[in-house]
Amino acid sequence: MERRRGARFEVQLHCRLKRAGSRDMVDATTLNLGRLGALVATQPVAQWEAIPQPGDLVSLEVLLPAHQQFGQRCLSCDAIAVRAKHEDGKSLIALQFERVEIRKVAGVAVSAAPLAVM
């Protein structure tokens, strides 16, 4: 039974997540993404305590494709883990977004090309 309130789109983007209270950022890839949540798959992880469990608060940063005029941006989200499944050294984590914003990625220069006037 489908319980999602919003559409999800299959898109694979590099992301990092951090469980609240942990210092460790975990590299992951989005499997699907929507305005209300995402499903992410972690890379193999040695520290299982860094992997979010259902009910955990999570910080997620999704690296967005670079734009010619605006440079590199990331989707910065506060989320709640709603499901987690561990297999073959990886984890699949379903996240429900609580707060979402788009931020500049530090250390990446924005193109110096002038904006066209319409």
Protein backbone atom coordinates (compact mmCIF):
# COMPACT_ATOMS: atom_id res chain seq x y z
CA MET A 1 0.00 0.00 0.00
CA GLU A 2 1.39 3.39 -1.04
CA ARG A 3 1.53 5.83 1.91
CA ARG A 4 3.40 8.73 0.30
CA ARG A 5 1.64 12.08 0.13
CA GLY A 6 3.76 13.41 -2.75
CA ALA A 7 5.25 12.19 -6.02
CA ARG A 8 8.78 10.79 -6.09
CA PHE A 9 11.10 10.85 -9.07
CA GLU A 10 13.81 8.29 -9.75
CA VAL A 11 17.00 10.32 -9.69
CA GLN A 12 20.46 9.24 -8.60
CA LEU A 13 22.45 12.05 -7.00
CA HIS A 14 25.38 11.98 -4.60
CA CYS A 15 24.39 12.88 -1.06
CA ARG A 16 25.64 12.76 2.52
CA LEU A 17 23.64 12.14 5.63
CA LYS A 18 24.28 12.48 9.33
CA ARG A 19 22.21 11.10 12.15
CA ALA A 20 21.45 13.64 14.89
CA GLY A 21 23.98 13.29 17.67
CA SER A 22 26.59 11.67 15.41
CA ARG A 23 29.71 13.33 14.04
CA ASP A 24 30.03 10.93 11.12
CA MET A 25 28.77 11.91 7.67
CA VAL A 26 27.79 8.88 5.58
CA ASP A 27 28.13 8.96 1.78
CA ALA A 28 25.00 7.84 -0.05
CA THR A 29 23.08 8.07 -3.33
CA THR A 30 19.46 9.08 -3.78
CA LEU A 31 17.31 6.42 -5.43
CA ASN A 32 14.23 8.60 -5.57
CA LEU A 33 13.50 12.16 -4.51
CA GLY A 34 10.44 14.33 -4.08
CA ARG A 35 9.46 17.52 -2.29
CA LEU A 36 8.39 15.60 0.83
CA GLY A 37 11.04 12.90 1.07
CA ALA A 38 13.67 10.62 -0.43
CA LEU A 39 14.98 7.08 -0.50
CA VAL A 40 18.77 6.89 -0.17
CA ALA A 41 21.24 4.01 -0.37
CA THR A 42 24.46 4.24 1.62
CA GLN A 43 27.85 3.12 0.45
CA PRO A 44 29.26 0.20 2.49
CA VAL A 45 29.76 1.56 6.01
CA ALA A 46 32.04 0.34 8.80
CA GLN A 47 30.29 2.32 11.58
CA TRP A 48 26.71 1.00 11.69
CA GLU A 49 25.96 3.33 14.61
CA ALA A 50 26.17 6.23 12.09
CA ILE A 51 23.31 4.76 10.01
CA PRO A 52 19.91 6.30 10.87
CA GLN A 53 17.17 4.08 12.25
CA PRO A 54 13.40 4.71 12.06
CA GLY A 55 12.51 7.73 14.19
CA ASP A 56 16.01 9.26 14.07
CA LEU A 57 16.47 12.89 13.07
CA VAL A 58 18.73 13.19 10.03
CA SER A 59 20.57 15.97 8.19
CA LEU A 60 20.77 15.31 4.45
CA GLU A 61 22.78 17.20 1.82
CA VAL A 62 22.06 16.33 -1.83
CA LEU A 63 24.56 17.66 -4.37
CA LEU A 64 22.57 19.15 -7.26
CA PRO A 65 23.87 19.32 -10.84
CA ALA A 66 25.97 22.44 -11.42
CA HIS A 67 24.31 25.32 -13.25
CA GLN A 68 26.23 27.50 -15.72
CA GLN A 69 25.12 30.77 -14.12
CA PHE A 70 24.45 29.86 -10.50
CA GLY A 71 27.25 27.36 -9.86
CA GLN A 72 27.06 24.34 -7.59
CA ARG A 73 24.16 24.08 -5.13
CA CYS A 74 22.98 21.50 -2.66
CA LEU A 75 19.63 20.59 -1.22
CA SER A 76 19.96 20.82 2.57
CA CYS A 77 17.26 18.94 4.48
CA ASP A 78 16.29 18.11 8.03
CA ALA A 79 14.41 14.82 7.93
CA ILE A 80 13.08 11.91 9.94
CA ALA A 81 14.06 8.36 9.03
CA VAL A 82 10.84 6.41 8.51
CA ARG A 83 12.28 3.09 7.30
CA ALA A 84 15.71 1.45 7.22
CA LYS A 85 16.79 -1.83 5.67
CA HIS A 86 20.34 -3.24 5.88
CA GLU A 87 21.73 -5.70 3.34
CA ASP A 88 25.09 -6.53 1.73
CA GLY A 89 26.95 -3.88 3.75
CA LYS A 90 24.62 -1.12 2.54
CA SER A 91 21.51 0.51 3.96
CA LEU A 92 18.33 1.75 2.29
CA ILE A 93 16.86 4.63 4.28
CA ALA A 94 13.50 6.27 3.61
CA LEU A 95 13.37 9.89 4.77
CA GLN A 96 10.48 12.28 5.36
CA PHE A 97 11.55 15.93 5.00
CA GLU A 98 10.77 18.41 7.77
CA ARG A 99 12.74 21.39 6.38
CA VAL A 100 14.29 21.91 2.93
CA GLU A 101 16.48 24.69 1.54
CA ILE A 102 18.85 25.19 -1.36
CA ARG A 103 22.34 26.35 -0.41
CA LYS A 104 25.53 27.31 -2.21
CA VAL A 105 28.28 24.71 -2.01
CA ALA A 106 31.28 26.25 -0.25
CA GLY A 107 34.53 26.45 -2.21
CA VAL A 108 32.96 26.24 -5.68
CA ALA A 109 33.24 29.34 -7.83
CA VAL A 110 30.27 30.69 -9.72
CA SER A 111 30.76 31.32 -13.44
CA ALA A 112 31.83 34.89 -14.22
CA ALA A 113 29.70 34.98 -17.40
CA PRO A 114 27.29 37.93 -17.40
CA LEU A 115 23.57 37.26 -17.19
CA ALA A 116 21.62 37.93 -20.38
CA VAL A 117 19.05 40.71 -20.15
CA MET A 118 15.62 39.79 -21.46
